[in-house]
Amino acid sequence: MNQGSTFGINLAIVIYYFLPRMQVSTYSYSWNLIFDFRQLSVFLNTVVMLFIVYQKTHLNKWQNIDSGRMVVGSYILYLFATVFYLMILEFL
């Protein structure tokens, strides 16, 4: 993997972290904990992706992983989560 594609993948991962996300809050403490889990999962997902790209570039591990597909998959997951949150907001 060359340095140009590594920079692009890292930039796409960082942009993924800063994408705007909806915040749902209810009167129930339990539901708020479930909805707040998304922030933690996005943070962990971003750190793991950056870790995998670093190991693939510098330590020659994870050679069978296509980093571009990994990032595109996270963006698709972001779109699905946004649609899911919109559906929840319609029914609340």
C-alpha atoms as a PDB file:
ATOM      1  CA  MET A   1       0.000   0.000   0.000  1.00  0.00           C
ATOM      2  CA  ASN A   2       1.544   3.323  -0.996  1.00  0.00           C
ATOM      3  CA  GLN A   3       1.597   6.433   1.162  1.00  0.00           C
ATOM      4  CA  GLY A   4      -0.956   8.318  -0.985  1.00  0.00           C
ATOM      5  CA  SER A   5      -3.658   5.714  -0.557  1.00  0.00           C
ATOM      6  CA  THR A   6      -2.813   5.381   3.153  1.00  0.00           C
ATOM      7  CA  PHE A   7      -3.268   9.126   3.626  1.00  0.00           C
ATOM      8  CA  GLY A   8      -6.598   9.011   1.781  1.00  0.00           C
ATOM      9  CA  ILE A   9      -7.862   6.101   3.845  1.00  0.00           C
ATOM     10  CA  ASN A  10      -6.795   7.765   7.105  1.00  0.00           C
ATOM     11  CA  LEU A  11      -8.480  10.996   6.014  1.00  0.00           C
ATOM     12  CA  ALA A  12     -11.686   9.115   5.168  1.00  0.00           C
ATOM     13  CA  ILE A  13     -11.625   7.428   8.590  1.00  0.00           C
ATOM     14  CA  VAL A  14     -11.154  10.749  10.403  1.00  0.00           C
ATOM     15  CA  ILE A  15     -13.949  12.349   8.349  1.00  0.00           C
ATOM     16  CA  TYR A  16     -16.149   9.378   9.287  1.00  0.00           C
ATOM     17  CA  TYR A  17     -15.544  10.137  12.962  1.00  0.00           C
ATOM     18  CA  PHE A  18     -16.606  13.779  12.582  1.00  0.00           C
ATOM     19  CA  LEU A  19     -19.748  13.165  10.498  1.00  0.00           C
ATOM     20  CA  PRO A  20     -22.839  14.681  12.116  1.00  0.00           C
ATOM     21  CA  ARG A  21     -24.954  12.190  13.994  1.00  0.00           C
ATOM     22  CA  MET A  22     -28.430  12.497  15.397  1.00  0.00           C
ATOM     23  CA  GLN A  23     -28.899  12.514  19.126  1.00  0.00           C
ATOM     24  CA  VAL A  24     -32.070  10.934  20.443  1.00  0.00           C
ATOM     25  CA  SER A  25     -33.078  11.603  24.027  1.00  0.00           C
ATOM     26  CA  THR A  26     -36.128  10.321  25.836  1.00  0.00           C
ATOM     27  CA  TYR A  27     -37.500  10.504  29.356  1.00  0.00           C
ATOM     28  CA  SER A  28     -36.324   6.966  30.016  1.00  0.00           C
ATOM     29  CA  TYR A  29     -32.817   6.535  31.399  1.00  0.00           C
ATOM     30  CA  SER A  30     -32.528   3.035  29.938  1.00  0.00           C
ATOM     31  CA  TRP A  31     -33.369   4.133  26.392  1.00  0.00           C
ATOM     32  CA  ASN A  32     -30.936   7.030  26.676  1.00  0.00           C
ATOM     33  CA  LEU A  33     -28.159   4.572  27.566  1.00  0.00           C
ATOM     34  CA  ILE A  34     -28.992   2.530  24.469  1.00  0.00           C
ATOM     35  CA  PHE A  35     -28.977   5.600  22.239  1.00  0.00           C
ATOM     36  CA  ASP A  36     -25.741   6.915  23.780  1.00  0.00           C
ATOM     37  CA  PHE A  37     -24.010   3.637  22.939  1.00  0.00           C
ATOM     38  CA  ARG A  38     -23.696   4.863  19.350  1.00  0.00           C
ATOM     39  CA  GLN A  39     -21.080   7.470  20.305  1.00  0.00           C
ATOM     40  CA  LEU A  40     -18.932   4.844  21.986  1.00  0.00           C
ATOM     41  CA  SER A  41     -19.290   2.388  19.118  1.00  0.00           C
ATOM     42  CA  VAL A  42     -18.315   5.058  16.547  1.00  0.00           C
ATOM     43  CA  PHE A  43     -15.242   5.952  18.599  1.00  0.00           C
ATOM     44  CA  LEU A  44     -14.188   2.309  18.944  1.00  0.00           C
ATOM     45  CA  ASN A  45     -14.851   1.627  15.258  1.00  0.00           C
ATOM     46  CA  THR A  46     -12.691   4.614  14.262  1.00  0.00           C
ATOM     47  CA  VAL A  47      -9.811   3.624  16.542  1.00  0.00           C
ATOM     48  CA  VAL A  48      -9.876   0.015  15.316  1.00  0.00           C
ATOM     49  CA  MET A  49      -9.880   1.090  11.660  1.00  0.00           C
ATOM     50  CA  LEU A  50      -6.936   3.452  12.231  1.00  0.00           C
ATOM     51  CA  PHE A  51      -5.120   0.670  14.099  1.00  0.00           C
ATOM     52  CA  ILE A  52      -5.684  -1.800  11.244  1.00  0.00           C
ATOM     53  CA  VAL A  53      -4.476   0.685   8.620  1.00  0.00           C
ATOM     54  CA  TYR A  54      -1.375   1.466  10.707  1.00  0.00           C
ATOM     55  CA  GLN A  55      -0.549  -2.227  11.157  1.00  0.00           C
ATOM     56  CA  LYS A  56      -1.162  -2.959   7.487  1.00  0.00           C
ATOM     57  CA  THR A  57       1.097  -0.105   6.356  1.00  0.00           C
ATOM     58  CA  HIS A  58       3.975  -0.282   8.819  1.00  0.00           C
ATOM     59  CA  LEU A  59       3.973  -3.814  10.247  1.00  0.00           C
ATOM     60  CA  ASN A  60       2.771  -5.747   7.160  1.00  0.00           C
ATOM     61  CA  LYS A  61      -0.130  -7.363   9.038  1.00  0.00           C
ATOM     62  CA  TRP A  62      -3.743  -7.634   7.828  1.00  0.00           C
ATOM     63  CA  GLN A  63      -2.620  -8.074   4.215  1.00  0.00           C
ATOM     64  CA  ASN A  64      -5.852  -9.821   3.196  1.00  0.00           C
ATOM     65  CA  ILE A  65      -7.967  -6.802   4.284  1.00  0.00           C
ATOM     66  CA  ASP A  66      -8.970  -4.271   1.638  1.00  0.00           C
ATOM     67  CA  SER A  67      -8.803  -0.962   3.513  1.00  0.00           C
ATOM     68  CA  GLY A  68     -10.920   0.853   0.953  1.00  0.00           C
ATOM     69  CA  ARG A  69     -13.751  -1.629   1.364  1.00  0.00           C
ATOM     70  CA  MET A  70     -13.458  -1.362   5.130  1.00  0.00           C
ATOM     71  CA  VAL A  71     -13.947   2.421   4.980  1.00  0.00           C
ATOM     72  CA  VAL A  72     -16.761   2.196   2.424  1.00  0.00           C
ATOM     73  CA  GLY A  73     -18.453  -0.365   4.670  1.00  0.00           C
ATOM     74  CA  SER A  74     -18.299   2.021   7.610  1.00  0.00           C
ATOM     75  CA  TYR A  75     -19.873   4.783   5.520  1.00  0.00           C
ATOM     76  CA  ILE A  76     -22.661   2.398   4.447  1.00  0.00           C
ATOM     77  CA  LEU A  77     -23.178   1.484   8.101  1.00  0.00           C
ATOM     78  CA  TYR A  78     -23.397   5.216   8.899  1.00  0.00           C
ATOM     79  CA  LEU A  79     -26.118   5.672   6.252  1.00  0.00           C
ATOM     80  CA  PHE A  80     -28.089   2.677   7.528  1.00  0.00           C
ATOM     81  CA  ALA A  81     -27.841   3.928  11.121  1.00  0.00           C
ATOM     82  CA  THR A  82     -29.045   7.374  10.030  1.00  0.00           C
ATOM     83  CA  VAL A  83     -32.073   5.879   8.283  1.00  0.00           C
ATOM     84  CA  PHE A  84     -32.755   3.725  11.359  1.00  0.00           C
ATOM     85  CA  TYR A  85     -32.619   6.775  13.641  1.00  0.00           C
ATOM     86  CA  LEU A  86     -34.964   8.659  11.333  1.00  0.00           C
ATOM     87  CA  MET A  87     -37.433   5.787  11.551  1.00  0.00           C
ATOM     88  CA  ILE A  88     -37.171   5.805  15.348  1.00  0.00           C
ATOM     89  CA  LEU A  89     -37.796   9.555  15.439  1.00  0.00           C
ATOM     90  CA  GLU A  90     -40.911   9.137  13.291  1.00  0.00           C
ATOM     91  CA  PHE A  91     -42.386   6.603  15.730  1.00  0.00           C
ATOM     92  CA  LEU A  92     -41.465   8.363  18.995  1.00  0.00           C
END
